[in-house]
C-alpha atoms as a PDB file:
ATOM      1  CA  MET A   1       2.377 -16.852  87.309  1.00  0.00           C
ATOM      2  CA  VAL A   2       5.607 -13.956  86.157  1.00  0.00           C
ATOM      3  CA  PRO A   3       6.745 -12.213  89.003  1.00  0.00           C
ATOM      4  CA  ASP A   4       6.059  -8.872  89.279  1.00  0.00           C
ATOM      5  CA  SER A   5       3.392  -8.932  87.621  1.00  0.00           C
ATOM      6  CA  ASP A   6      -0.239  -7.724  88.086  1.00  0.00           C
ATOM      7  CA  GLU A   7      -1.746 -11.511  88.178  1.00  0.00           C
ATOM      8  CA  TYR A   8       1.516 -13.775  90.816  1.00  0.00           C
ATOM      9  CA  TYR A   9       0.745 -10.574  93.215  1.00  0.00           C
ATOM     10  CA  MET A  10      -2.962 -11.009  92.914  1.00  0.00           C
ATOM     11  CA  GLU A  11      -2.481 -15.034  93.558  1.00  0.00           C
ATOM     12  CA  LEU A  12      -0.857 -14.132  96.864  1.00  0.00           C
ATOM     13  CA  ALA A  13      -4.463 -11.190  97.426  1.00  0.00           C
ATOM     14  CA  LEU A  14      -5.298 -15.463  96.819  1.00  0.00           C
ATOM     15  CA  ALA A  15      -3.120 -16.691 100.172  1.00  0.00           C
ATOM     16  CA  GLN A  16      -4.646 -13.764 102.110  1.00  0.00           C
ATOM     17  CA  ALA A  17      -7.440 -15.184 100.954  1.00  0.00           C
ATOM     18  CA  ARG A  18      -7.885 -18.426 101.984  1.00  0.00           C
ATOM     19  CA  CYS A  19      -6.298 -17.158 105.396  1.00  0.00           C
ATOM     20  CA  ALA A  20      -9.617 -15.260 106.305  1.00  0.00           C
ATOM     21  CA  GLU A  21     -11.019 -18.409 105.875  1.00  0.00           C
ATOM     22  CA  ASP A  22      -9.643 -20.560 107.895  1.00  0.00           C
ATOM     23  CA  LEU A  23     -10.414 -18.926 109.999  1.00  0.00           C
ATOM     24  CA  ASP A  24     -14.329 -18.923 109.066  1.00  0.00           C
ATOM     25  CA  GLU A  25     -13.743 -14.890 108.226  1.00  0.00           C
ATOM     26  CA  ILE A  26     -15.346 -14.001 104.245  1.00  0.00           C
ATOM     27  CA  PRO A  27     -12.296 -14.515 102.629  1.00  0.00           C
ATOM     28  CA  VAL A  28     -10.579 -11.658 101.337  1.00  0.00           C
ATOM     29  CA  GLY A  29      -7.192 -11.359 100.939  1.00  0.00           C
ATOM     30  CA  CYS A  30      -4.880  -8.366  99.761  1.00  0.00           C
ATOM     31  CA  VAL A  31      -0.877  -7.393  99.479  1.00  0.00           C
ATOM     32  CA  ILE A  32       0.615  -4.248  99.365  1.00  0.00           C
ATOM     33  CA  VAL A  33       3.955  -4.399  97.310  1.00  0.00           C
ATOM     34  CA  ASP A  34       6.585  -1.472  96.347  1.00  0.00           C
ATOM     35  CA  PRO A  35       7.884   0.097  93.685  1.00  0.00           C
ATOM     36  CA  GLN A  36      10.648  -2.639  93.204  1.00  0.00           C
ATOM     37  CA  GLY A  37       7.865  -5.808  93.589  1.00  0.00           C
ATOM     38  CA  ARG A  38       8.965  -6.132  97.525  1.00  0.00           C
ATOM     39  CA  ILE A  39       5.847  -7.364  99.610  1.00  0.00           C
ATOM     40  CA  VAL A  40       5.280  -4.378 102.755  1.00  0.00           C
ATOM     41  CA  SER A  41       2.319  -6.118 103.986  1.00  0.00           C
ATOM     42  CA  SER A  42      -0.457  -8.483 103.801  1.00  0.00           C
ATOM     43  CA  GLY A  43      -3.723  -8.698 105.588  1.00  0.00           C
ATOM     44  CA  CYS A  44      -6.847 -10.564 105.331  1.00  0.00           C
ATOM     45  CA  ASN A  45     -10.434  -9.973 107.202  1.00  0.00           C
ATOM     46  CA  GLN A  46     -10.512 -10.244 110.008  1.00  0.00           C
ATOM     47  CA  THR A  47     -13.825  -8.427 111.138  1.00  0.00           C
ATOM     48  CA  ILE A  48     -15.405 -11.454 113.228  1.00  0.00           C
ATOM     49  CA  THR A  49     -11.659 -12.782 114.881  1.00  0.00           C
ATOM     50  CA  ALA A  50     -10.745  -8.760 116.058  1.00  0.00           C
ATOM     51  CA  HIS A  51     -13.623  -7.800 116.760  1.00  0.00           C
ATOM     52  CA  ASP A  52     -13.135  -5.141 114.614  1.00  0.00           C
ATOM     53  CA  PRO A  53     -16.015  -3.187 112.312  1.00  0.00           C
ATOM     54  CA  THR A  54     -12.803  -2.129 110.324  1.00  0.00           C
ATOM     55  CA  ALA A  55     -10.702  -4.885 110.292  1.00  0.00           C
ATOM     56  CA  HIS A  56     -11.244  -5.558 106.092  1.00  0.00           C
ATOM     57  CA  ALA A  57      -8.494  -6.867 104.473  1.00  0.00           C
ATOM     58  CA  GLU A  58      -7.739  -3.943 103.159  1.00  0.00           C
ATOM     59  CA  ILE A  59      -7.236  -2.361 106.974  1.00  0.00           C
ATOM     60  CA  VAL A  60      -5.352  -4.602 107.866  1.00  0.00           C
ATOM     61  CA  ALA A  61      -2.892  -4.256 105.069  1.00  0.00           C
ATOM     62  CA  LEU A  62      -2.969  -1.313 105.222  1.00  0.00           C
ATOM     63  CA  ARG A  63      -2.333  -1.002 108.983  1.00  0.00           C
ATOM     64  CA  ARG A  64       0.823  -2.876 109.185  1.00  0.00           C
ATOM     65  CA  ALA A  65       2.409  -0.991 105.858  1.00  0.00           C
ATOM     66  CA  GLY A  66       2.224   2.144 108.306  1.00  0.00           C
ATOM     67  CA  LEU A  67       4.078  -0.079 110.915  1.00  0.00           C
ATOM     68  CA  ALA A  68       6.179  -1.287 108.358  1.00  0.00           C
ATOM     69  CA  LEU A  69       6.979   2.185 106.661  1.00  0.00           C
ATOM     70  CA  ASP A  70       7.256   3.774 109.901  1.00  0.00           C
ATOM     71  CA  ASN A  71       4.788   6.436 107.913  1.00  0.00           C
ATOM     72  CA  TYR A  72       1.297   6.963 107.188  1.00  0.00           C
ATOM     73  CA  ARG A  73       1.780   7.731 104.121  1.00  0.00           C
ATOM     74  CA  LEU A  74       2.128   4.757 101.793  1.00  0.00           C
ATOM     75  CA  VAL A  75       3.417   6.983  98.888  1.00  0.00           C
ATOM     76  CA  GLY A  76       4.241   4.882  95.782  1.00  0.00           C
ATOM     77  CA  LEU A  77       2.636   1.393  96.774  1.00  0.00           C
ATOM     78  CA  THR A  78       0.193  -0.748  94.856  1.00  0.00           C
ATOM     79  CA  MET A  79      -2.345  -2.736  96.775  1.00  0.00           C
ATOM     80  CA  TYR A  80      -4.203  -5.833  95.563  1.00  0.00           C
ATOM     81  CA  VAL A  81      -6.563  -7.412  96.380  1.00  0.00           C
ATOM     82  CA  THR A  82      -9.006 -10.306  96.164  1.00  0.00           C
ATOM     83  CA  LEU A  83     -12.871  -7.858  96.029  1.00  0.00           C
ATOM     84  CA  GLU A  84     -13.662  -4.429  94.891  1.00  0.00           C
ATOM     85  CA  PRO A  85     -12.788  -2.107  97.877  1.00  0.00           C
ATOM     86  CA  CYS A  86     -16.307  -1.047  99.889  1.00  0.00           C
ATOM     87  CA  CYS A  87     -16.784   3.228 101.445  1.00  0.00           C
ATOM     88  CA  MET A  88     -14.983   3.014 103.855  1.00  0.00           C
ATOM     89  CA  CYS A  89     -11.282   0.881 102.492  1.00  0.00           C
ATOM     90  CA  ALA A  90     -11.325   3.175  99.135  1.00  0.00           C
ATOM     91  CA  GLY A  91     -11.539   6.739 101.975  1.00  0.00           C
ATOM     92  CA  ALA A  92      -8.604   4.226 103.423  1.00  0.00           C
ATOM     93  CA  LEU A  93      -6.636   3.865 100.041  1.00  0.00           C
ATOM     94  CA  ILE A  94      -7.062   8.071  99.926  1.00  0.00           C
ATOM     95  CA  HIS A  95      -5.597   8.707 102.466  1.00  0.00           C
ATOM     96  CA  SER A  96      -3.348   7.328 103.075  1.00  0.00           C
ATOM     97  CA  ARG A  97      -2.350   8.421  99.209  1.00  0.00           C
ATOM     98  CA  ILE A  98      -1.776   5.016  97.823  1.00  0.00           C
ATOM     99  CA  HIS A  99      -0.895   5.307  94.394  1.00  0.00           C
ATOM    100  CA  ARG A 100      -2.161   2.227  92.858  1.00  0.00           C
ATOM    101  CA  LEU A 101      -5.150  -0.250  93.244  1.00  0.00           C
ATOM    102  CA  VAL A 102      -5.924  -3.521  91.443  1.00  0.00           C
ATOM    103  CA  TYR A 103      -8.729  -5.760  92.685  1.00  0.00           C
ATOM    104  CA  GLY A 104     -10.276  -9.286  91.189  1.00  0.00           C
ATOM    105  CA  ALA A 105     -13.589  -9.687  92.031  1.00  0.00           C
ATOM    106  CA  ASP A 106     -16.501  -6.670  91.700  1.00  0.00           C
ATOM    107  CA  ASP A 107     -18.558  -6.432  93.772  1.00  0.00           C
ATOM    108  CA  PRO A 108     -22.510  -5.630  93.437  1.00  0.00           C
ATOM    109  CA  LYS A 109     -23.427  -4.981  96.578  1.00  0.00           C
ATOM    110  CA  THR A 110     -20.622  -2.300  97.908  1.00  0.00           C
ATOM    111  CA  GLY A 111     -18.170  -2.388  95.542  1.00  0.00           C
ATOM    112  CA  ALA A 112     -16.668   1.337  95.460  1.00  0.00           C
ATOM    113  CA  CYS A 113     -14.233   1.195  92.245  1.00  0.00           C
ATOM    114  CA  SER A 114     -17.157   1.539  89.790  1.00  0.00           C
ATOM    115  CA  SER A 115     -19.010  -1.096  90.044  1.00  0.00           C
ATOM    116  CA  VAL A 116     -21.744   0.644  92.613  1.00  0.00           C
ATOM    117  CA  PHE A 117     -19.962   3.851  94.036  1.00  0.00           C
ATOM    118  CA  ASP A 118     -17.274   5.280  92.171  1.00  0.00           C
ATOM    119  CA  VAL A 119     -15.779   6.925  95.286  1.00  0.00           C
ATOM    120  CA  LEU A 120     -11.599   6.793  93.406  1.00  0.00           C
ATOM    121  CA  LYS A 121     -12.366   8.954  90.563  1.00  0.00           C
ATOM    122  CA  ASN A 122     -14.037  11.591  92.121  1.00  0.00           C
ATOM    123  CA  PRO A 123     -12.076  14.914  91.299  1.00  0.00           C
ATOM    124  CA  ARG A 124     -12.973  16.683  93.808  1.00  0.00           C
ATOM    125  CA  HIS A 125     -10.379  13.884  95.709  1.00  0.00           C
ATOM    126  CA  ASN A 126      -7.087  15.637  97.521  1.00  0.00           C
ATOM    127  CA  HIS A 127      -5.737  11.813  96.231  1.00  0.00           C
ATOM    128  CA  ILE A 128      -7.246   9.538  92.701  1.00  0.00           C
ATOM    129  CA  ILE A 129      -5.926   6.326  92.094  1.00  0.00           C
ATOM    130  CA  GLU A 130      -4.956   4.426  89.062  1.00  0.00           C
ATOM    131  CA  VAL A 131      -7.353   1.635  89.623  1.00  0.00           C
ATOM    132  CA  ARG A 132      -7.665  -1.630  87.693  1.00  0.00           C
ATOM    133  CA  GLY A 133     -10.043  -4.443  88.400  1.00  0.00           C
ATOM    134  CA  GLY A 134     -10.595  -7.663  87.574  1.00  0.00           C
ATOM    135  CA  VAL A 135      -7.430  -9.563  87.220  1.00  0.00           C
ATOM    136  CA  LEU A 136      -8.035 -12.916  88.452  1.00  0.00           C
ATOM    137  CA  ALA A 137     -11.973 -11.641  88.835  1.00  0.00           C
ATOM    138  CA  CYS A 138     -13.183 -15.331  87.984  1.00  0.00           C
ATOM    139  CA  GLN A 139     -11.170 -17.001  90.657  1.00  0.00           C
ATOM    140  CA  CYS A 140     -11.864 -14.155  93.325  1.00  0.00           C
ATOM    141  CA  ALA A 141     -14.968 -14.841  92.901  1.00  0.00           C
ATOM    142  CA  ASN A 142     -15.470 -18.125  92.693  1.00  0.00           C
ATOM    143  CA  VAL A 143     -13.514 -18.897  96.519  1.00  0.00           C
ATOM    144  CA  LEU A 144     -15.987 -15.635  97.625  1.00  0.00           C
ATOM    145  CA  SER A 145     -18.949 -18.014  95.890  1.00  0.00           C
ATOM    146  CA  ALA A 146     -17.392 -21.040  97.515  1.00  0.00           C
ATOM    147  CA  PHE A 147     -17.754 -20.070 101.144  1.00  0.00           C
ATOM    148  CA  PHE A 148     -20.532 -18.475 100.837  1.00  0.00           C
ATOM    149  CA  ARG A 149     -21.990 -21.698  99.249  1.00  0.00           C
ATOM    150  CA  ARG A 150     -20.847 -23.920 101.833  1.00  0.00           C
ATOM    151  CA  ARG A 151     -21.649 -21.193 105.150  1.00  0.00           C
ATOM    152  CA  ARG A 152     -25.264 -21.584 103.271  1.00  0.00           C
ATOM    153  CA  VAL A 153     -24.890 -25.846 103.716  1.00  0.00           C
ATOM    154  CA  GLU A 154     -24.003 -25.552 107.043  1.00  0.00           C
ATOM    155  CA  GLN A 155     -26.925 -23.031 108.029  1.00  0.00           C
ATOM    156  CA  LYS A 156     -29.459 -24.949 106.496  1.00  0.00           C
ATOM    157  CA  ASN A 157     -27.830 -28.413 108.360  1.00  0.00           C
ATOM    158  CA  SER A 158     -27.532 -26.789 111.324  1.00  0.00           C
ATOM    159  CA  ARG A 159     -31.282 -25.561 111.559  1.00  0.00           C
ATOM    160  CA  LYS A 160     -31.940 -29.274 110.934  1.00  0.00           C
ATOM    161  CA  ASN A 161     -30.524 -30.724 114.269  1.00  0.00           C
END
């Protein structure tokens, strides 16, 4: 992968997704990058670990970026996330003023960037985010599919015992 390419940063987000999986969380990972290509923050799903329904990878990374920059406005930054954001995360992206969103796999159940809803493209918002979906989509989807396949097998085995 070429540094400073969308694929390069999505690989870093995939590494964060693997961190979530190590925590037995749904493997979604995120990195936020400044215009010079420096990583400002990263995060992975931590809803179970943190006992926090808002601790999606995107929210974790947004909070860390705000702290790192000492600002709640994240103007000019790009977010890379392995799964299409939900409505909650899309709303947080708008309020943070993120410049650009790049995501991997579509979320056909709760996706809010084109799959189910198109929250970010609504012209009534006071901030419109540039969006690119489908970056390393197969790799991102495979991480999620393998996780849920393993979880189903574990649940099946636990019912047998």
